[in-house]
Amino acid sequence: MHFGESFLETAQRELEEETGIKAKSIKIISITNERTDKAHFVTIGAMCDSFEGEPEVREPDEISEWGWFSLDDLPNPLYPPSKKLIENYLNKRFTDDE
């Protein structure tokens, strides 16, 4: 997040920076806590159901490709924080602390 940004502003900016997609409609769907012995991360998941553009790789040192997948046929393995966010969404939970 940049100083002064809301969660939604951050999600919209990051989506465009990383994929080139411009969100028209976006909402927060889940917040998770990732804890290890040495770190603690809070991940805020957002869903965009209206957008402009097609995904393009804008950070090739971090991402090799983007793809569209059905929630019933996701690739395996998934990035663990993303997996938790999707599980929360499918189970109608907002956080993994519930």
N, C-alpha and C. Protein backbone atom coordinates (compact mmCIF):
# COMPACT_ATOMS: atom_id res chain seq x y z
N MET A 1 0.84 -1.18 0.00
CA MET A 1 0.00 0.00 0.00
C MET A 1 0.88 1.24 0.00
N HIS A 2 0.44 2.23 -0.71
CA HIS A 2 1.08 3.53 -0.64
C HIS A 2 0.40 4.33 0.47
N PHE A 3 1.15 5.22 1.07
CA PHE A 3 0.60 6.03 2.15
C PHE A 3 -0.68 6.74 1.70
N GLY A 4 -1.72 6.61 2.50
CA GLY A 4 -2.99 7.27 2.21
C GLY A 4 -3.94 6.50 1.32
N GLU A 5 -3.51 5.39 0.74
CA GLU A 5 -4.38 4.59 -0.14
C GLU A 5 -5.36 3.76 0.69
N SER A 6 -6.54 3.57 0.13
CA SER A 6 -7.49 2.62 0.71
C SER A 6 -7.13 1.22 0.19
N PHE A 7 -7.75 0.20 0.79
CA PHE A 7 -7.53 -1.17 0.31
C PHE A 7 -7.93 -1.29 -1.16
N LEU A 8 -9.08 -0.70 -1.52
CA LEU A 8 -9.56 -0.81 -2.90
C LEU A 8 -8.67 -0.06 -3.88
N GLU A 9 -8.20 1.11 -3.49
CA GLU A 9 -7.28 1.86 -4.36
C GLU A 9 -6.00 1.07 -4.58
N THR A 10 -5.50 0.45 -3.51
CA THR A 10 -4.29 -0.36 -3.64
C THR A 10 -4.52 -1.54 -4.58
N ALA A 11 -5.65 -2.22 -4.41
CA ALA A 11 -5.96 -3.37 -5.27
C ALA A 11 -6.07 -2.95 -6.73
N GLN A 12 -6.73 -1.85 -7.00
CA GLN A 12 -6.86 -1.37 -8.38
C GLN A 12 -5.51 -1.01 -8.97
N ARG A 13 -4.70 -0.30 -8.22
CA ARG A 13 -3.38 0.11 -8.71
C ARG A 13 -2.49 -1.10 -8.96
N GLU A 14 -2.44 -2.03 -8.00
CA GLU A 14 -1.61 -3.22 -8.15
C GLU A 14 -2.06 -4.08 -9.32
N LEU A 15 -3.36 -4.24 -9.48
CA LEU A 15 -3.89 -5.02 -10.61
C LEU A 15 -3.41 -4.44 -11.93
N GLU A 16 -3.52 -3.12 -12.07
CA GLU A 16 -3.09 -2.50 -13.33
C GLU A 16 -1.58 -2.57 -13.51
N GLU A 17 -0.82 -2.32 -12.44
CA GLU A 17 0.64 -2.37 -12.54
C GLU A 17 1.14 -3.76 -12.93
N GLU A 18 0.52 -4.79 -12.35
CA GLU A 18 1.02 -6.15 -12.55
C GLU A 18 0.45 -6.85 -13.77
N THR A 19 -0.75 -6.43 -14.23
CA THR A 19 -1.39 -7.15 -15.33
C THR A 19 -1.83 -6.27 -16.50
N GLY A 20 -1.93 -4.97 -16.29
CA GLY A 20 -2.47 -4.09 -17.32
C GLY A 20 -3.98 -4.01 -17.32
N ILE A 21 -4.65 -4.79 -16.47
CA ILE A 21 -6.11 -4.78 -16.38
C ILE A 21 -6.57 -3.60 -15.54
N LYS A 22 -7.59 -2.91 -16.04
CA LYS A 22 -8.18 -1.79 -15.31
C LYS A 22 -9.51 -2.23 -14.70
N ALA A 23 -9.57 -2.24 -13.37
CA ALA A 23 -10.78 -2.67 -12.67
C ALA A 23 -11.85 -1.60 -12.76
N LYS A 24 -13.07 -2.03 -13.07
CA LYS A 24 -14.22 -1.13 -13.04
C LYS A 24 -15.00 -1.32 -11.74
N SER A 25 -15.06 -2.55 -11.28
CA SER A 25 -15.80 -2.89 -10.06
C SER A 25 -14.92 -3.86 -9.26
N ILE A 26 -14.67 -3.50 -8.01
CA ILE A 26 -13.79 -4.32 -7.20
C ILE A 26 -14.27 -4.28 -5.75
N LYS A 27 -14.15 -5.42 -5.04
CA LYS A 27 -14.55 -5.45 -3.64
C LYS A 27 -13.61 -6.36 -2.85
N ILE A 28 -13.48 -6.08 -1.58
CA ILE A 28 -12.66 -6.91 -0.69
C ILE A 28 -13.47 -8.16 -0.34
N ILE A 29 -12.85 -9.34 -0.48
CA ILE A 29 -13.57 -10.59 -0.20
C ILE A 29 -13.01 -11.35 0.99
N SER A 30 -11.75 -11.11 1.37
CA SER A 30 -11.18 -11.89 2.46
C SER A 30 -9.90 -11.25 2.97
N ILE A 31 -9.63 -11.49 4.24
CA ILE A 31 -8.36 -11.08 4.85
C ILE A 31 -7.82 -12.30 5.59
N THR A 32 -6.55 -12.60 5.35
CA THR A 32 -5.94 -13.75 6.01
C THR A 32 -4.67 -13.35 6.75
N ASN A 33 -4.31 -14.16 7.73
CA ASN A 33 -3.07 -14.02 8.47
C ASN A 33 -2.17 -15.18 8.11
N GLU A 34 -0.98 -14.88 7.68
CA GLU A 34 0.02 -15.90 7.37
C GLU A 34 1.11 -15.76 8.44
N ARG A 35 1.25 -16.76 9.29
CA ARG A 35 2.24 -16.70 10.36
C ARG A 35 3.26 -17.81 10.21
N THR A 36 4.52 -17.43 10.36
CA THR A 36 5.60 -18.41 10.43
C THR A 36 6.39 -18.10 11.70
N ASP A 37 7.44 -18.84 11.93
CA ASP A 37 8.28 -18.57 13.10
C ASP A 37 8.97 -17.22 13.02
N LYS A 38 9.16 -16.72 11.80
CA LYS A 38 9.95 -15.49 11.63
C LYS A 38 9.19 -14.32 11.01
N ALA A 39 7.94 -14.52 10.60
CA ALA A 39 7.24 -13.45 9.90
C ALA A 39 5.73 -13.54 10.11
N HIS A 40 5.06 -12.44 9.87
CA HIS A 40 3.60 -12.37 9.94
C HIS A 40 3.14 -11.48 8.80
N PHE A 41 2.32 -12.02 7.92
CA PHE A 41 1.82 -11.28 6.76
C PHE A 41 0.30 -11.23 6.82
N VAL A 42 -0.27 -10.10 6.51
CA VAL A 42 -1.71 -9.96 6.36
C VAL A 42 -1.98 -9.82 4.87
N THR A 43 -2.84 -10.68 4.32
CA THR A 43 -3.16 -10.65 2.90
C THR A 43 -4.61 -10.24 2.74
N ILE A 44 -4.84 -9.22 1.93
CA ILE A 44 -6.18 -8.71 1.67
C ILE A 44 -6.56 -9.13 0.25
N GLY A 45 -7.59 -9.95 0.14
CA GLY A 45 -8.03 -10.45 -1.16
C GLY A 45 -9.16 -9.61 -1.72
N ALA A 46 -9.08 -9.32 -2.99
CA ALA A 46 -10.12 -8.55 -3.67
C ALA A 46 -10.62 -9.31 -4.89
N MET A 47 -11.88 -9.07 -5.24
CA MET A 47 -12.44 -9.67 -6.44
C MET A 47 -12.90 -8.56 -7.37
N CYS A 48 -12.57 -8.73 -8.62
CA CYS A 48 -12.96 -7.78 -9.66
C CYS A 48 -13.88 -8.51 -10.63
N ASP A 49 -15.11 -8.04 -10.76
CA ASP A 49 -16.03 -8.72 -11.68
C ASP A 49 -16.37 -7.89 -12.91
N SER A 50 -15.73 -6.73 -13.03
CA SER A 50 -15.91 -5.90 -14.21
C SER A 50 -14.59 -5.17 -14.47
N PHE A 51 -14.05 -5.37 -15.67
CA PHE A 51 -12.73 -4.81 -15.95
C PHE A 51 -12.55 -4.56 -17.44
N GLU A 52 -11.46 -3.84 -17.77
CA GLU A 52 -11.07 -3.61 -19.16
C GLU A 52 -9.68 -4.18 -19.37
N GLY A 53 -9.47 -4.79 -20.53
CA GLY A 53 -8.15 -5.26 -20.89
C GLY A 53 -7.97 -6.76 -20.77
N GLU A 54 -6.83 -7.21 -21.25
CA GLU A 54 -6.42 -8.61 -21.15
C GLU A 54 -5.12 -8.65 -20.37
N PRO A 55 -4.92 -9.68 -19.55
CA PRO A 55 -3.71 -9.73 -18.73
C PRO A 55 -2.45 -9.85 -19.57
N GLU A 56 -1.45 -9.11 -19.17
CA GLU A 56 -0.13 -9.20 -19.80
C GLU A 56 0.92 -9.28 -18.69
N VAL A 57 2.00 -9.96 -18.97
CA VAL A 57 3.08 -10.09 -17.99
C VAL A 57 3.85 -8.78 -17.97
N ARG A 58 3.76 -8.07 -16.86
CA ARG A 58 4.44 -6.80 -16.71
C ARG A 58 5.61 -6.87 -15.73
N GLU A 59 5.72 -7.98 -15.03
CA GLU A 59 6.82 -8.19 -14.08
C GLU A 59 7.44 -9.57 -14.35
N PRO A 60 8.15 -9.72 -15.47
CA PRO A 60 8.65 -11.04 -15.87
C PRO A 60 9.64 -11.67 -14.89
N ASP A 61 10.25 -10.87 -14.02
CA ASP A 61 11.16 -11.43 -13.02
C ASP A 61 10.39 -12.10 -11.87
N GLU A 62 9.08 -11.81 -11.76
CA GLU A 62 8.25 -12.40 -10.70
C GLU A 62 7.16 -13.32 -11.23
N ILE A 63 6.66 -13.07 -12.45
CA ILE A 63 5.54 -13.82 -13.00
C ILE A 63 5.85 -14.21 -14.44
N SER A 64 5.63 -15.48 -14.77
CA SER A 64 5.93 -15.93 -16.14
C SER A 64 4.71 -15.88 -17.05
N GLU A 65 3.50 -16.05 -16.48
CA GLU A 65 2.30 -16.01 -17.30
C GLU A 65 1.07 -15.82 -16.42
N TRP A 66 -0.01 -15.33 -17.03
CA TRP A 66 -1.31 -15.21 -16.39
C TRP A 66 -2.26 -16.15 -17.10
N GLY A 67 -3.27 -16.63 -16.39
CA GLY A 67 -4.26 -17.49 -17.01
C GLY A 67 -5.60 -17.37 -16.30
N TRP A 68 -6.66 -17.71 -17.02
CA TRP A 68 -8.01 -17.73 -16.46
C TRP A 68 -8.36 -19.17 -16.12
N PHE A 69 -8.90 -19.39 -14.91
CA PHE A 69 -9.25 -20.72 -14.46
C PHE A 69 -10.61 -20.71 -13.78
N SER A 70 -11.36 -21.77 -13.96
CA SER A 70 -12.61 -21.96 -13.24
C SER A 70 -12.27 -22.24 -11.77
N LEU A 71 -13.13 -21.80 -10.86
CA LEU A 71 -12.92 -22.11 -9.45
C LEU A 71 -12.98 -23.61 -9.19
N ASP A 72 -13.60 -24.35 -10.11
CA ASP A 72 -13.69 -25.81 -9.99
C ASP A 72 -12.47 -26.52 -10.58
N ASP A 73 -11.58 -25.78 -11.23
CA ASP A 73 -10.45 -26.40 -11.91
C ASP A 73 -9.20 -25.51 -11.78
N LEU A 74 -8.80 -25.23 -10.55
CA LEU A 74 -7.64 -24.37 -10.31
C LEU A 74 -6.35 -25.17 -10.44
N PRO A 75 -5.28 -24.52 -10.85
CA PRO A 75 -3.99 -25.22 -10.92
C PRO A 75 -3.53 -25.64 -9.54
N ASN A 76 -2.67 -26.65 -9.52
CA ASN A 76 -2.14 -27.15 -8.25
C ASN A 76 -0.64 -27.34 -8.41
N PRO A 77 0.19 -26.83 -7.54
CA PRO A 77 -0.18 -26.12 -6.31
C PRO A 77 -0.49 -24.66 -6.59
N LEU A 78 -1.25 -24.05 -5.69
CA LEU A 78 -1.53 -22.62 -5.72
C LEU A 78 -0.62 -21.92 -4.73
N TYR A 79 -0.36 -20.66 -4.98
CA TYR A 79 0.36 -19.83 -4.02
C TYR A 79 -0.45 -19.87 -2.72
N PRO A 80 0.15 -20.29 -1.59
CA PRO A 80 -0.61 -20.53 -0.35
C PRO A 80 -1.52 -19.39 0.10
N PRO A 81 -1.08 -18.12 0.10
CA PRO A 81 -2.03 -17.06 0.49
C PRO A 81 -3.23 -16.97 -0.46
N SER A 82 -3.02 -17.17 -1.74
CA SER A 82 -4.14 -17.16 -2.70
C SER A 82 -5.08 -18.32 -2.43
N LYS A 83 -4.54 -19.47 -2.12
CA LYS A 83 -5.37 -20.64 -1.83
C LYS A 83 -6.28 -20.37 -0.63
N LYS A 84 -5.72 -19.76 0.43
CA LYS A 84 -6.53 -19.44 1.61
C LYS A 84 -7.63 -18.45 1.29
N LEU A 85 -7.31 -17.42 0.50
CA LEU A 85 -8.32 -16.43 0.13
C LEU A 85 -9.46 -17.07 -0.65
N ILE A 86 -9.12 -17.93 -1.60
CA ILE A 86 -10.13 -18.60 -2.41
C ILE A 86 -10.98 -19.54 -1.55
N GLU A 87 -10.33 -20.28 -0.65
CA GLU A 87 -11.08 -21.17 0.25
C GLU A 87 -12.04 -20.37 1.13
N ASN A 88 -11.58 -19.24 1.66
CA ASN A 88 -12.48 -18.40 2.47
C ASN A 88 -13.66 -17.94 1.63
N TYR A 89 -13.41 -17.48 0.43
CA TYR A 89 -14.48 -17.00 -0.44
C TYR A 89 -15.49 -18.13 -0.72
N LEU A 90 -15.01 -19.30 -1.08
CA LEU A 90 -15.90 -20.41 -1.39
C LEU A 90 -16.69 -20.88 -0.17
N ASN A 91 -16.08 -20.75 1.02
CA ASN A 91 -16.74 -21.17 2.25
C ASN A 91 -17.49 -20.03 2.93
N LYS A 92 -17.61 -18.89 2.22
CA LYS A 92 -18.33 -17.72 2.71
C LYS A 92 -17.80 -17.22 4.06
N ARG A 93 -16.48 -17.27 4.18
CA ARG A 93 -15.80 -16.73 5.38
C ARG A 93 -15.03 -15.50 4.95
N PHE A 94 -15.01 -14.49 5.81
CA PHE A 94 -14.26 -13.29 5.47
C PHE A 94 -12.80 -13.39 5.92
N THR A 95 -12.57 -14.06 7.04
CA THR A 95 -11.20 -14.23 7.54
C THR A 95 -10.96 -15.67 7.91
N ASP A 96 -9.68 -16.00 8.07
CA ASP A 96 -9.35 -17.34 8.56
C ASP A 96 -9.33 -17.36 10.09
N ASP A 97 -9.69 -16.24 10.72
CA ASP A 97 -9.77 -16.17 12.18
C ASP A 97 -11.17 -16.48 12.69
N GLU A 98 -12.12 -16.69 11.77
CA GLU A 98 -13.51 -16.96 12.18
C GLU A 98 -13.65 -18.38 12.66
